[in-house]
PDB file of N, CA and C in Angstrom:
ATOM      1  N   MET A   1     104.981 379.744   9.037  1.00  0.00           N
ATOM      2  CA  MET A   1     103.876 380.190   8.012  1.00  0.00           C
ATOM      3  C   MET A   1     104.329 379.260   7.272  1.00  0.00           C
ATOM      4  N   LYS A   2     105.126 379.359   6.464  1.00  0.00           N
ATOM      5  CA  LYS A   2     105.230 378.585   5.265  1.00  0.00           C
ATOM      6  C   LYS A   2     105.713 377.586   5.437  1.00  0.00           C
ATOM      7  N   ARG A   3     106.419 377.333   6.831  1.00  0.00           N
ATOM      8  CA  ARG A   3     106.184 375.611   7.053  1.00  0.00           C
ATOM      9  C   ARG A   3     105.315 374.998   6.865  1.00  0.00           C
ATOM     10  N   GLY A   4     104.423 375.345   7.722  1.00  0.00           N
ATOM     11  CA  GLY A   4     103.105 375.244   8.184  1.00  0.00           C
ATOM     12  C   GLY A   4     102.375 374.662   7.040  1.00  0.00           C
ATOM     13  N   LEU A   5     101.980 375.694   6.112  1.00  0.00           N
ATOM     14  CA  LEU A   5     101.564 375.935   4.875  1.00  0.00           C
ATOM     15  C   LEU A   5     102.047 374.253   3.973  1.00  0.00           C
ATOM     16  N   ILE A   6     103.625 374.454   3.749  1.00  0.00           N
ATOM     17  CA  ILE A   6     103.687 373.272   3.227  1.00  0.00           C
ATOM     18  C   ILE A   6     103.447 371.699   3.504  1.00  0.00           C
ATOM     19  N   ALA A   7     103.446 371.700   4.834  1.00  0.00           N
ATOM     20  CA  ALA A   7     103.551 370.526   5.729  1.00  0.00           C
ATOM     21  C   ALA A   7     101.896 370.227   5.115  1.00  0.00           C
ATOM     22  N   THR A   8     101.002 371.100   5.220  1.00  0.00           N
ATOM     23  CA  THR A   8      99.771 370.604   4.911  1.00  0.00           C
ATOM     24  C   THR A   8      99.381 370.521   3.420  1.00  0.00           C
ATOM     25  N   LEU A   9      99.926 371.178   2.679  1.00  0.00           N
ATOM     26  CA  LEU A   9      99.791 370.637   1.129  1.00  0.00           C
ATOM     27  C   LEU A   9     100.086 369.057   1.256  1.00  0.00           C
ATOM     28  N   VAL A  10     101.860 368.843   1.505  1.00  0.00           N
ATOM     29  CA  VAL A  10     101.860 367.219   1.595  1.00  0.00           C
ATOM     30  C   VAL A  10     101.436 366.390   1.798  1.00  0.00           C
ATOM     31  N   LEU A  11     100.541 366.911   3.329  1.00  0.00           N
ATOM     32  CA  LEU A  11      99.652 365.984   3.748  1.00  0.00           C
ATOM     33  C   LEU A  11      98.694 365.363   2.504  1.00  0.00           C
ATOM     34  N   ILE A  12      98.206 366.879   2.379  1.00  0.00           N
ATOM     35  CA  ILE A  12      96.864 366.789   1.329  1.00  0.00           C
ATOM     36  C   ILE A  12      97.238 365.895   0.218  1.00  0.00           C
ATOM     37  N   VAL A  13      98.511 366.260  -0.302  1.00  0.00           N
ATOM     38  CA  VAL A  13      98.664 365.952  -1.488  1.00  0.00           C
ATOM     39  C   VAL A  13      99.118 363.656  -1.003  1.00  0.00           C
ATOM     40  N   VAL A  14      99.913 363.366  -0.026  1.00  0.00           N
ATOM     41  CA  VAL A  14      99.702 362.261   0.015  1.00  0.00           C
ATOM     42  C   VAL A  14      98.762 361.604   0.453  1.00  0.00           C
ATOM     43  N   LEU A  15      97.371 362.197   1.044  1.00  0.00           N
ATOM     44  CA  LEU A  15      96.274 361.435   1.746  1.00  0.00           C
ATOM     45  C   LEU A  15      95.630 361.448   0.018  1.00  0.00           C
ATOM     46  N   GLY A  16      96.015 362.594  -0.639  1.00  0.00           N
ATOM     47  CA  GLY A  16      94.919 362.492  -2.362  1.00  0.00           C
ATOM     48  C   GLY A  16      95.791 361.177  -3.143  1.00  0.00           C
ATOM     49  N   LEU A  17      96.922 361.304  -3.015  1.00  0.00           N
ATOM     50  CA  LEU A  17      97.170 360.534  -3.678  1.00  0.00           C
ATOM     51  C   LEU A  17      97.579 359.167  -3.659  1.00  0.00           C
ATOM     52  N   GLY A  18      97.202 358.586  -2.131  1.00  0.00           N
ATOM     53  CA  GLY A  18      97.026 357.258  -1.828  1.00  0.00           C
ATOM     54  C   GLY A  18      95.736 356.822  -1.592  1.00  0.00           C
ATOM     55  N   GLY A  19      94.745 358.124  -1.296  1.00  0.00           N
ATOM     56  CA  GLY A  19      93.022 357.888  -1.802  1.00  0.00           C
ATOM     57  C   GLY A  19      92.801 357.386  -2.974  1.00  0.00           C
ATOM     58  N   SER A  20      93.279 358.176  -4.056  1.00  0.00           N
ATOM     59  CA  SER A  20      93.218 357.883  -5.510  1.00  0.00           C
ATOM     60  C   SER A  20      93.988 356.622  -6.063  1.00  0.00           C
ATOM     61  N   THR A  21      94.940 356.485  -5.257  1.00  0.00           N
ATOM     62  CA  THR A  21      95.480 355.085  -5.859  1.00  0.00           C
ATOM     63  C   THR A  21      94.411 353.640  -5.491  1.00  0.00           C
ATOM     64  N   LEU A  22      94.282 354.259  -4.034  1.00  0.00           N
ATOM     65  CA  LEU A  22      93.364 353.141  -3.537  1.00  0.00           C
ATOM     66  C   LEU A  22      91.819 352.681  -4.235  1.00  0.00           C
ATOM     67  N   ALA A  23      91.549 354.053  -4.687  1.00  0.00           N
ATOM     68  CA  ALA A  23      90.075 353.993  -5.209  1.00  0.00           C
ATOM     69  C   ALA A  23      90.439 353.812  -6.982  1.00  0.00           C
ATOM     70  N   HIS A  24      91.475 353.648  -7.382  1.00  0.00           N
ATOM     71  CA  HIS A  24      92.015 353.193  -9.060  1.00  0.00           C
ATOM     72  C   HIS A  24      91.780 351.768  -8.622  1.00  0.00           C
ATOM     73  N   GLN A  25      92.531 351.148  -7.456  1.00  0.00           N
ATOM     74  CA  GLN A  25      92.697 349.818  -7.134  1.00  0.00           C
ATOM     75  C   GLN A  25      91.136 349.484  -7.320  1.00  0.00           C
ATOM     76  N   SER A  26      90.516 350.319  -6.749  1.00  0.00           N
ATOM     77  CA  SER A  26      89.393 349.581  -6.150  1.00  0.00           C
ATOM     78  C   SER A  26      88.198 349.524  -7.090  1.00  0.00           C
ATOM     79  N   ARG A  27      87.984 350.227  -8.335  1.00  0.00           N
ATOM     80  CA  ARG A  27      87.706 350.997  -9.581  1.00  0.00           C
ATOM     81  C   ARG A  27      87.954 349.113 -10.627  1.00  0.00           C
ATOM     82  N   LYS A  28      89.284 349.174 -10.705  1.00  0.00           N
ATOM     83  CA  LYS A  28      90.367 348.216 -11.319  1.00  0.00           C
ATOM     84  C   LYS A  28      89.570 346.714 -10.773  1.00  0.00           C
ATOM     85  N   GLY A  29      89.763 346.700  -9.481  1.00  0.00           N
ATOM     86  CA  GLY A  29      89.374 345.081  -9.159  1.00  0.00           C
ATOM     87  C   GLY A  29      88.218 344.893  -9.101  1.00  0.00           C
ATOM     88  N   MET A  30      86.763 345.566  -9.205  1.00  0.00           N
ATOM     89  CA  MET A  30      85.344 345.377  -9.081  1.00  0.00           C
ATOM     90  C   MET A  30      85.071 344.672 -10.614  1.00  0.00           C
ATOM     91  N   GLY A  31      84.945 343.512 -10.326  1.00  0.00           N
ATOM     92  CA  GLY A  31      84.083 342.539 -11.535  1.00  0.00           C
ATOM     93  C   GLY A  31      82.568 342.679 -11.579  1.00  0.00           C
ATOM     94  N   GLY A  32      81.860 342.988 -12.515  1.00  0.00           N
ATOM     95  CA  GLY A  32      80.549 343.174 -12.339  1.00  0.00           C
ATOM     96  C   GLY A  32      80.092 343.525 -11.726  1.00  0.00           C
ATOM     97  N   GLY A  33      80.104 344.840 -10.963  1.00  0.00           N
ATOM     98  CA  GLY A  33      79.750 345.440  -9.654  1.00  0.00           C
ATOM     99  C   GLY A  33      79.960 344.936  -8.230  1.00  0.00           C
ATOM    100  N   GLN A  34      80.402 343.779  -7.932  1.00  0.00           N
ATOM    101  CA  GLN A  34      80.489 342.881  -6.819  1.00  0.00           C
ATOM    102  C   GLN A  34      81.645 343.396  -6.470  1.00  0.00           C
ATOM    103  N   MET A  35      81.544 344.140  -5.036  1.00  0.00           N
ATOM    104  CA  MET A  35      82.802 344.407  -4.059  1.00  0.00           C
ATOM    105  C   MET A  35      83.352 343.831  -2.735  1.00  0.00           C
ATOM    106  N   GLY A  36      83.577 342.695  -2.989  1.00  0.00           N
ATOM    107  CA  GLY A  36      83.867 341.568  -2.053  1.00  0.00           C
ATOM    108  C   GLY A  36      85.463 342.299  -1.450  1.00  0.00           C
ATOM    109  N   HIS A  37      85.998 341.720  -0.353  1.00  0.00           N
ATOM    110  CA  HIS A  37      87.403 341.985  -0.442  1.00  0.00           C
ATOM    111  C   HIS A  37      87.969 342.096  -1.592  1.00  0.00           C
ATOM    112  N   GLN A  38      88.068 340.967  -1.990  1.00  0.00           N
ATOM    113  CA  GLN A  38      89.225 340.780  -3.458  1.00  0.00           C
ATOM    114  C   GLN A  38      88.989 341.491  -4.321  1.00  0.00           C
ATOM    115  N   GLY A  39      87.578 342.016  -4.178  1.00  0.00           N
ATOM    116  CA  GLY A  39      87.377 342.980  -5.623  1.00  0.00           C
ATOM    117  C   GLY A  39      87.980 344.516  -5.366  1.00  0.00           C
ATOM    118  N   MET A  40      87.736 344.628  -3.879  1.00  0.00           N
ATOM    119  CA  MET A  40      88.040 345.804  -3.491  1.00  0.00           C
ATOM    120  C   MET A  40      89.716 346.477  -3.348  1.00  0.00           C
ATOM    121  N   MET A  41      90.542 345.265  -2.949  1.00  0.00           N
ATOM    122  CA  MET A  41      91.943 345.470  -3.169  1.00  0.00           C
ATOM    123  C   MET A  41      92.618 344.613  -3.869  1.00  0.00           C
ATOM    124  N   GLY A  42      91.871 343.791  -4.911  1.00  0.00           N
ATOM    125  CA  GLY A  42      93.014 343.084  -5.847  1.00  0.00           C
ATOM    126  C   GLY A  42      92.941 341.986  -5.704  1.00  0.00           C
ATOM    127  N   SER A  43      93.872 341.349  -5.272  1.00  0.00           N
ATOM    128  CA  SER A  43      93.759 339.994  -4.347  1.00  0.00           C
ATOM    129  C   SER A  43      94.227 339.734  -2.895  1.00  0.00           C
ATOM    130  N   GLY A  44      93.765 340.916  -2.805  1.00  0.00           N
ATOM    131  CA  GLY A  44      94.025 340.978  -1.474  1.00  0.00           C
ATOM    132  C   GLY A  44      95.134 341.603  -0.688  1.00  0.00           C
ATOM    133  N   MET A  45      96.027 342.007  -2.160  1.00  0.00           N
ATOM    134  CA  MET A  45      97.643 342.995  -1.609  1.00  0.00           C
ATOM    135  C   MET A  45      97.410 343.938  -2.261  1.00  0.00           C
ATOM    136  N   GLY A  46      96.821 344.921  -1.498  1.00  0.00           N
ATOM    137  CA  GLY A  46      97.001 345.868  -2.196  1.00  0.00           C
ATOM    138  C   GLY A  46      98.274 347.049  -1.502  1.00  0.00           C
ATOM    139  N   MET A  47      97.798 348.280  -1.722  1.00  0.00           N
ATOM    140  CA  MET A  47      99.018 348.793  -1.218  1.00  0.00           C
ATOM    141  C   MET A  47      99.419 349.391   0.225  1.00  0.00           C
ATOM    142  N   MET A  48      98.048 348.692   1.051  1.00  0.00           N
ATOM    143  CA  MET A  48      98.435 348.450   2.531  1.00  0.00           C
ATOM    144  C   MET A  48      99.150 347.237   2.705  1.00  0.00           C
ATOM    145  N   GLY A  49      99.143 346.142   2.191  1.00  0.00           N
ATOM    146  CA  GLY A  49      99.819 344.799   1.965  1.00  0.00           C
ATOM    147  C   GLY A  49      98.720 344.115   2.516  1.00  0.00           C
ATOM    148  N   PRO A  50      99.001 342.590   3.206  1.00  0.00           N
ATOM    149  CA  PRO A  50      97.571 341.704   2.949  1.00  0.00           C
ATOM    150  C   PRO A  50      96.780 342.467   3.781  1.00  0.00           C
ATOM    151  N   MET A  51      96.926 343.110   5.029  1.00  0.00           N
ATOM    152  CA  MET A  51      96.041 344.049   5.637  1.00  0.00           C
ATOM    153  C   MET A  51      95.283 344.833   5.100  1.00  0.00           C
ATOM    154  N   GLY A  52      95.328 345.646   3.855  1.00  0.00           N
ATOM    155  CA  GLY A  52      94.890 346.620   3.379  1.00  0.00           C
ATOM    156  C   GLY A  52      93.322 346.464   3.225  1.00  0.00           C
ATOM    157  N   SER A  53      92.610 346.855   4.103  1.00  0.00           N
ATOM    158  CA  SER A  53      91.221 346.550   4.277  1.00  0.00           C
ATOM    159  C   SER A  53      90.181 347.932   3.751  1.00  0.00           C
ATOM    160  N   PRO A  54      89.286 347.688   3.524  1.00  0.00           N
ATOM    161  CA  PRO A  54      88.000 348.929   3.100  1.00  0.00           C
ATOM    162  C   PRO A  54      88.172 350.213   4.670  1.00  0.00           C
ATOM    163  N   MET A  55      88.311 349.369   5.449  1.00  0.00           N
ATOM    164  CA  MET A  55      88.686 350.460   7.000  1.00  0.00           C
ATOM    165  C   MET A  55      89.494 351.590   6.861  1.00  0.00           C
ATOM    166  N   ILE A  56      90.623 350.444   6.396  1.00  0.00           N
ATOM    167  CA  ILE A  56      92.221 351.468   6.387  1.00  0.00           C
ATOM    168  C   ILE A  56      91.763 352.596   4.734  1.00  0.00           C
ATOM    169  N   MET A  57      91.235 352.467   3.925  1.00  0.00           N
ATOM    170  CA  MET A  57      91.118 353.048   3.144  1.00  0.00           C
ATOM    171  C   MET A  57      89.997 354.488   3.305  1.00  0.00           C
ATOM    172  N   GLY A  58      88.810 353.925   3.677  1.00  0.00           N
ATOM    173  CA  GLY A  58      87.757 354.529   4.991  1.00  0.00           C
ATOM    174  C   GLY A  58      88.179 355.690   5.745  1.00  0.00           C
ATOM    175  N   THR A  59      89.086 355.183   6.287  1.00  0.00           N
ATOM    176  CA  THR A  59      89.787 356.045   7.385  1.00  0.00           C
ATOM    177  C   THR A  59      91.013 357.228   7.099  1.00  0.00           C
ATOM    178  N   MET A  60      91.111 356.535   5.989  1.00  0.00           N
ATOM    179  CA  MET A  60      92.200 357.807   4.863  1.00  0.00           C
ATOM    180  C   MET A  60      91.718 359.111   4.546  1.00  0.00           C
ATOM    181  N   MET A  61      90.228 358.538   3.504  1.00  0.00           N
ATOM    182  CA  MET A  61      89.940 359.383   2.869  1.00  0.00           C
ATOM    183  C   MET A  61      88.774 360.471   4.066  1.00  0.00           C
ATOM    184  N   SER A  62      88.455 359.350   5.066  1.00  0.00           N
ATOM    185  CA  SER A  62      87.856 360.554   6.255  1.00  0.00           C
ATOM    186  C   SER A  62      88.737 361.559   6.317  1.00  0.00           C
ATOM    187  N   ILE A  63      89.941 361.108   6.841  1.00  0.00           N
ATOM    188  CA  ILE A  63      90.691 362.575   7.388  1.00  0.00           C
ATOM    189  C   ILE A  63      91.036 362.936   6.035  1.00  0.00           C
ATOM    190  N   HIS A  64      91.550 363.138   4.934  1.00  0.00           N
ATOM    191  CA  HIS A  64      91.246 363.595   3.601  1.00  0.00           C
ATOM    192  C   HIS A  64      90.338 364.759   3.629  1.00  0.00           C
ATOM    193  N   GLY A  65      89.039 364.060   3.749  1.00  0.00           N
ATOM    194  CA  GLY A  65      87.840 365.129   3.737  1.00  0.00           C
ATOM    195  C   GLY A  65      87.889 365.937   4.983  1.00  0.00           C
ATOM    196  N   GLU A  66      88.038 365.495   5.889  1.00  0.00           N
ATOM    197  CA  GLU A  66      88.345 366.504   6.962  1.00  0.00           C
ATOM    198  C   GLU A  66      89.420 367.618   6.948  1.00  0.00           C
ATOM    199  N   VAL A  67      90.659 367.533   6.299  1.00  0.00           N
ATOM    200  CA  VAL A  67      91.244 368.109   6.050  1.00  0.00           C
ATOM    201  C   VAL A  67      91.314 369.367   4.966  1.00  0.00           C
ATOM    202  N   MET A  68      90.662 368.629   3.975  1.00  0.00           N
ATOM    203  CA  MET A  68      89.732 369.488   3.166  1.00  0.00           C
ATOM    204  C   MET A  68      89.063 370.626   3.584  1.00  0.00           C
ATOM    205  N   SER A  69      88.181 369.737   4.328  1.00  0.00           N
ATOM    206  CA  SER A  69      87.114 370.911   4.935  1.00  0.00           C
ATOM    207  C   SER A  69      87.474 371.924   5.444  1.00  0.00           C
ATOM    208  N   LEU A  70      88.382 371.701   6.334  1.00  0.00           N
ATOM    209  CA  LEU A  70      89.539 372.594   7.328  1.00  0.00           C
ATOM    210  C   LEU A  70      90.092 373.568   6.294  1.00  0.00           C
ATOM    211  N   MET A  71      90.579 372.955   5.065  1.00  0.00           N
ATOM    212  CA  MET A  71      91.450 374.506   4.953  1.00  0.00           C
ATOM    213  C   MET A  71      90.395 375.331   3.564  1.00  0.00           C
ATOM    214  N   GLY A  72      89.435 374.536   3.841  1.00  0.00           N
ATOM    215  CA  GLY A  72      87.895 375.407   2.532  1.00  0.00           C
ATOM    216  C   GLY A  72      87.456 376.347   4.209  1.00  0.00           C
ATOM    217  N   GLU A  73      87.353 376.080   5.219  1.00  0.00           N
ATOM    218  CA  GLU A  73      87.043 376.878   6.643  1.00  0.00           C
ATOM    219  C   GLU A  73      88.304 377.687   6.751  1.00  0.00           C
ATOM    220  N   MET A  74      89.717 377.770   6.461  1.00  0.00           N
ATOM    221  CA  MET A  74      90.576 378.122   6.962  1.00  0.00           C
ATOM    222  C   MET A  74      90.365 379.894   5.421  1.00  0.00           C
ATOM    223  N   MET A  75      90.207 379.187   4.470  1.00  0.00           N
ATOM    224  CA  MET A  75      89.949 379.755   3.703  1.00  0.00           C
ATOM    225  C   MET A  75      88.666 381.127   3.781  1.00  0.00           C
ATOM    226  N   GLN A  76      87.455 380.702   3.904  1.00  0.00           N
ATOM    227  CA  GLN A  76      86.468 381.348   4.023  1.00  0.00           C
ATOM    228  C   GLN A  76      86.844 382.409   5.210  1.00  0.00           C
ATOM    229  N   LYS A  77      87.692 382.251   6.474  1.00  0.00           N
ATOM    230  CA  LYS A  77      88.269 382.470   7.777  1.00  0.00           C
ATOM    231  C   LYS A  77      88.690 383.702   7.363  1.00  0.00           C
ATOM    232  N   TYR A  78      90.013 383.139   6.758  1.00  0.00           N
ATOM    233  CA  TYR A  78      91.149 384.217   6.485  1.00  0.00           C
ATOM    234  C   TYR A  78      91.572 384.453   4.866  1.00  0.00           C
ATOM    235  N   GLY A  79      91.206 384.027   3.789  1.00  0.00           N
ATOM    236  CA  GLY A  79      90.873 384.296   2.446  1.00  0.00           C
ATOM    237  C   GLY A  79      90.715 385.447   2.335  1.00  0.00           C
ATOM    238  N   GLY A  80      90.240 386.178   2.621  1.00  0.00           N
ATOM    239  CA  GLY A  80      89.456 387.696   2.524  1.00  0.00           C
ATOM    240  C   GLY A  80      90.989 388.647   2.982  1.00  0.00           C
ATOM    241  N   GLN A  81      91.868 388.284   3.242  1.00  0.00           N
ATOM    242  CA  GLN A  81      92.910 389.072   3.894  1.00  0.00           C
ATOM    243  C   GLN A  81      94.172 388.455   3.719  1.00  0.00           C
ATOM    244  N   MET A  82      94.172 387.617   2.716  1.00  0.00           N
ATOM    245  CA  MET A  82      95.397 387.118   1.948  1.00  0.00           C
ATOM    246  C   MET A  82      96.306 388.579   1.903  1.00  0.00           C
ATOM    247  N   GLY A  83      96.126 389.178   1.367  1.00  0.00           N
ATOM    248  CA  GLY A  83      96.867 390.499   0.807  1.00  0.00           C
ATOM    249  C   GLY A  83      97.684 391.224   1.830  1.00  0.00           C
ATOM    250  N   GLN A  84      96.417 391.644   2.788  1.00  0.00           N
ATOM    251  CA  GLN A  84      97.172 392.594   4.197  1.00  0.00           C
ATOM    252  C   GLN A  84      97.194 391.512   5.625  1.00  0.00           C
ATOM    253  N   LYS A  85      98.002 389.994   5.485  1.00  0.00           N
ATOM    254  CA  LYS A  85      97.357 390.212   6.973  1.00  0.00           C
ATOM    255  C   LYS A  85      98.894 390.637   7.520  1.00  0.00           C
ATOM    256  N   THR A  86      98.785 390.650   8.732  1.00  0.00           N
ATOM    257  CA  THR A  86      99.507 390.889   9.760  1.00  0.00           C
ATOM    258  C   THR A  86     100.299 389.558  10.101  1.00  0.00           C
ATOM    259  N   PRO A  87     101.337 389.716  10.439  1.00  0.00           N
ATOM    260  CA  PRO A  87     102.164 388.389  11.805  1.00  0.00           C
ATOM    261  C   PRO A  87     101.494 387.719  12.380  1.00  0.00           C
ATOM    262  N   GLU A  88     100.315 388.995  12.740  1.00  0.00           N
ATOM    263  CA  GLU A  88      99.757 388.073  14.425  1.00  0.00           C
ATOM    264  C   GLU A  88      98.482 387.351  13.621  1.00  0.00           C
ATOM    265  N   VAL A  89      97.498 387.706  12.701  1.00  0.00           N
ATOM    266  CA  VAL A  89      96.750 386.837  11.854  1.00  0.00           C
ATOM    267  C   VAL A  89      97.202 385.376  11.101  1.00  0.00           C
ATOM    268  N   ARG A  90      98.787 385.954  10.732  1.00  0.00           N
ATOM    269  CA  ARG A  90      99.399 384.607  10.356  1.00  0.00           C
ATOM    270  C   ARG A  90      99.524 383.448  11.550  1.00  0.00           C
ATOM    271  N   GLN A  91     100.338 383.922  12.317  1.00  0.00           N
ATOM    272  CA  GLN A  91     100.581 383.285  13.274  1.00  0.00           C
ATOM    273  C   GLN A  91      98.900 382.473  14.323  1.00  0.00           C
ATOM    274  N   GLN A  92      98.194 383.229  13.647  1.00  0.00           N
ATOM    275  CA  GLN A  92      97.037 382.805  14.651  1.00  0.00           C
ATOM    276  C   GLN A  92      96.125 382.068  13.602  1.00  0.00           C
ATOM    277  N   MET A  93      96.596 381.744  12.509  1.00  0.00           N
ATOM    278  CA  MET A  93      95.607 381.395  11.497  1.00  0.00           C
ATOM    279  C   MET A  93      96.297 379.887  11.322  1.00  0.00           C
ATOM    280  N   GLN A  94      98.119 379.868  11.439  1.00  0.00           N
ATOM    281  CA  GLN A  94      98.431 379.083  11.697  1.00  0.00           C
ATOM    282  C   GLN A  94      98.437 378.164  12.801  1.00  0.00           C
ATOM    283  N   ARG A  95      98.368 378.473  13.716  1.00  0.00           N
ATOM    284  CA  ARG A  95      98.539 377.842  14.878  1.00  0.00           C
ATOM    285  C   ARG A  95      97.134 377.112  14.874  1.00  0.00           C
ATOM    286  N   GLU A  96      95.720 377.685  14.432  1.00  0.00           N
ATOM    287  CA  GLU A  96      94.307 377.353  14.433  1.00  0.00           C
ATOM    288  C   GLU A  96      94.561 376.392  13.716  1.00  0.00           C
ATOM    289  N   MET A  97      95.233 376.499  12.289  1.00  0.00           N
ATOM    290  CA  MET A  97      95.245 375.387  11.673  1.00  0.00           C
ATOM    291  C   MET A  97      95.899 373.687  11.821  1.00  0.00           C
ATOM    292  N   MET A  98      97.246 374.071  12.743  1.00  0.00           N
ATOM    293  CA  MET A  98      97.965 373.129  13.168  1.00  0.00           C
ATOM    294  C   MET A  98      97.278 372.847  14.396  1.00  0.00           C
ATOM    295  N   GLU A  99      96.562 373.302  15.557  1.00  0.00           N
ATOM    296  CA  GLU A  99      95.961 372.424  16.296  1.00  0.00           C
ATOM    297  C   GLU A  99      94.611 371.745  15.474  1.00  0.00           C
ATOM    298  N   ARG A 100      93.793 371.920  14.641  1.00  0.00           N
ATOM    299  CA  ARG A 100      92.833 371.323  14.521  1.00  0.00           C
ATOM    300  C   ARG A 100      93.625 369.890  13.271  1.00  0.00           C
ATOM    301  N   MET A 101      94.008 370.635  12.724  1.00  0.00           N
ATOM    302  CA  MET A 101      94.772 368.796  12.112  1.00  0.00           C
ATOM    303  C   MET A 101      95.166 368.436  13.173  1.00  0.00           C
ATOM    304  N   GLY A 102      95.978 369.054  14.479  1.00  0.00           N
ATOM    305  CA  GLY A 102      96.233 367.804  15.230  1.00  0.00           C
ATOM    306  C   GLY A 102      95.279 366.963  15.760  1.00  0.00           C
ATOM    307  N   GLU A 103      94.097 368.202  16.122  1.00  0.00           N
ATOM    308  CA  GLU A 103      92.604 367.002  16.722  1.00  0.00           C
ATOM    309  C   GLU A 103      92.310 365.911  15.253  1.00  0.00           C
ATOM    310  N   ILE A 104      92.331 366.174  14.264  1.00  0.00           N
ATOM    311  CA  ILE A 104      91.839 365.622  13.253  1.00  0.00           C
ATOM    312  C   ILE A 104      92.489 364.243  13.418  1.00  0.00           C
ATOM    313  N   LEU A 105      93.622 364.361  13.187  1.00  0.00           N
ATOM    314  CA  LEU A 105      94.607 363.003  13.051  1.00  0.00           C
ATOM    315  C   LEU A 105      95.059 362.535  14.169  1.00  0.00           C
ATOM    316  N   THR A 106      94.788 363.154  15.980  1.00  0.00           N
ATOM    317  CA  THR A 106      94.482 361.856  16.771  1.00  0.00           C
ATOM    318  C   THR A 106      93.319 361.605  17.039  1.00  0.00           C
ATOM    319  N   LYS A 107      92.360 361.947  16.457  1.00  0.00           N
ATOM    320  CA  LYS A 107      90.919 361.122  16.455  1.00  0.00           C
ATOM    321  C   LYS A 107      91.018 360.153  15.995  1.00  0.00           C
ATOM    322  N   HIS A 108      91.271 360.046  14.523  1.00  0.00           N
ATOM    323  CA  HIS A 108      91.484 359.212  13.996  1.00  0.00           C
ATOM    324  C   HIS A 108      92.648 357.900  14.602  1.00  0.00           C
ATOM    325  N   GLY A 109      93.842 358.453  14.727  1.00  0.00           N
ATOM    326  CA  GLY A 109      94.806 357.647  15.127  1.00  0.00           C
ATOM    327  C   GLY A 109      94.214 356.737  16.456  1.00  0.00           C
ATOM    328  N   THR A 110      93.387 357.530  17.409  1.00  0.00           N
ATOM    329  CA  THR A 110      92.713 356.588  18.306  1.00  0.00           C
ATOM    330  C   THR A 110      91.722 355.528  18.042  1.00  0.00           C
ATOM    331  N   ALA A 111      91.087 356.054  17.184  1.00  0.00           N
ATOM    332  CA  ALA A 111      89.803 355.039  16.358  1.00  0.00           C
ATOM    333  C   ALA A 111      90.621 353.991  16.129  1.00  0.00           C
ATOM    334  N   LEU A 112      91.736 353.566  15.678  1.00  0.00           N
ATOM    335  CA  LEU A 112      92.806 353.024  14.881  1.00  0.00           C
ATOM    336  C   LEU A 112      93.016 352.108  15.791  1.00  0.00           C
ATOM    337  N   LYS A 113      93.818 352.237  16.904  1.00  0.00           N
ATOM    338  CA  LYS A 113      94.378 351.877  18.162  1.00  0.00           C
ATOM    339  C   LYS A 113      93.205 350.779  18.385  1.00  0.00           C
ATOM    340  N   GLU A 114      92.404 351.328  18.917  1.00  0.00           N
ATOM    341  CA  GLU A 114      90.872 350.663  19.165  1.00  0.00           C
ATOM    342  C   GLU A 114      90.711 349.583  18.524  1.00  0.00           C
ATOM    343  N   ARG A 115      90.895 349.946  17.272  1.00  0.00           N
ATOM    344  CA  ARG A 115      90.016 348.717  16.322  1.00  0.00           C
ATOM    345  C   ARG A 115      91.455 347.832  16.231  1.00  0.00           C
ATOM    346  N   ALA A 116      92.712 347.969  16.454  1.00  0.00           N
ATOM    347  CA  ALA A 116      93.582 346.925  16.355  1.00  0.00           C
ATOM    348  C   ALA A 116      93.752 346.641  17.375  1.00  0.00           C
ATOM    349  N   LYS A 117      93.193 346.867  18.703  1.00  0.00           N
ATOM    350  CA  LYS A 117      93.009 346.279  19.807  1.00  0.00           C
ATOM    351  C   LYS A 117      92.147 345.556  19.910  1.00  0.00           C
ATOM    352  N   ALA A 118      91.210 345.157  19.482  1.00  0.00           N
ATOM    353  CA  ALA A 118      90.098 345.109  19.277  1.00  0.00           C
ATOM    354  C   ALA A 118      90.405 343.496  18.391  1.00  0.00           C
ATOM    355  N   THR A 119      90.743 344.052  17.348  1.00  0.00           N
ATOM    356  CA  THR A 119      90.985 342.905  16.219  1.00  0.00           C
ATOM    357  C   THR A 119      91.661 341.419  17.246  1.00  0.00           C
ATOM    358  N   GLY A 120      92.717 342.348  17.833  1.00  0.00           N
ATOM    359  CA  GLY A 120      94.666 341.791  18.425  1.00  0.00           C
ATOM    360  C   GLY A 120      93.836 340.603  19.250  1.00  0.00           C
ATOM    361  N   LYS A 121      92.125 341.002  20.213  1.00  0.00           N
ATOM    362  CA  LYS A 121      91.704 339.903  21.215  1.00  0.00           C
ATOM    363  C   LYS A 121      91.267 338.920  20.601  1.00  0.00           C
TER     364      LYS A 121
END
């Protein structure tokens, strides 16, 4: 249970920091309200290197949003039982959270792979 929650928190922090760094770079690089490729990622060399595109930033932010939504759902579903959770309820919560996180990451990973194939053609 603790390892699952720690892994979840690490994922959220990594995605949050990456997203906030990219958002900060985006705000810093915007001149006069125009958001071209250069404006979004500084001079085209952002955190992701020369391929750091708005698509990658959008995917990261989408994953972050879905994980945060999942955490909210888990809190609504299991939050009232926090003090009196049995080992069975904890295992069920951990299993459900890990399955859903896996689905989120698989969905976005598959989409990125397809985009990479399309770009390579």
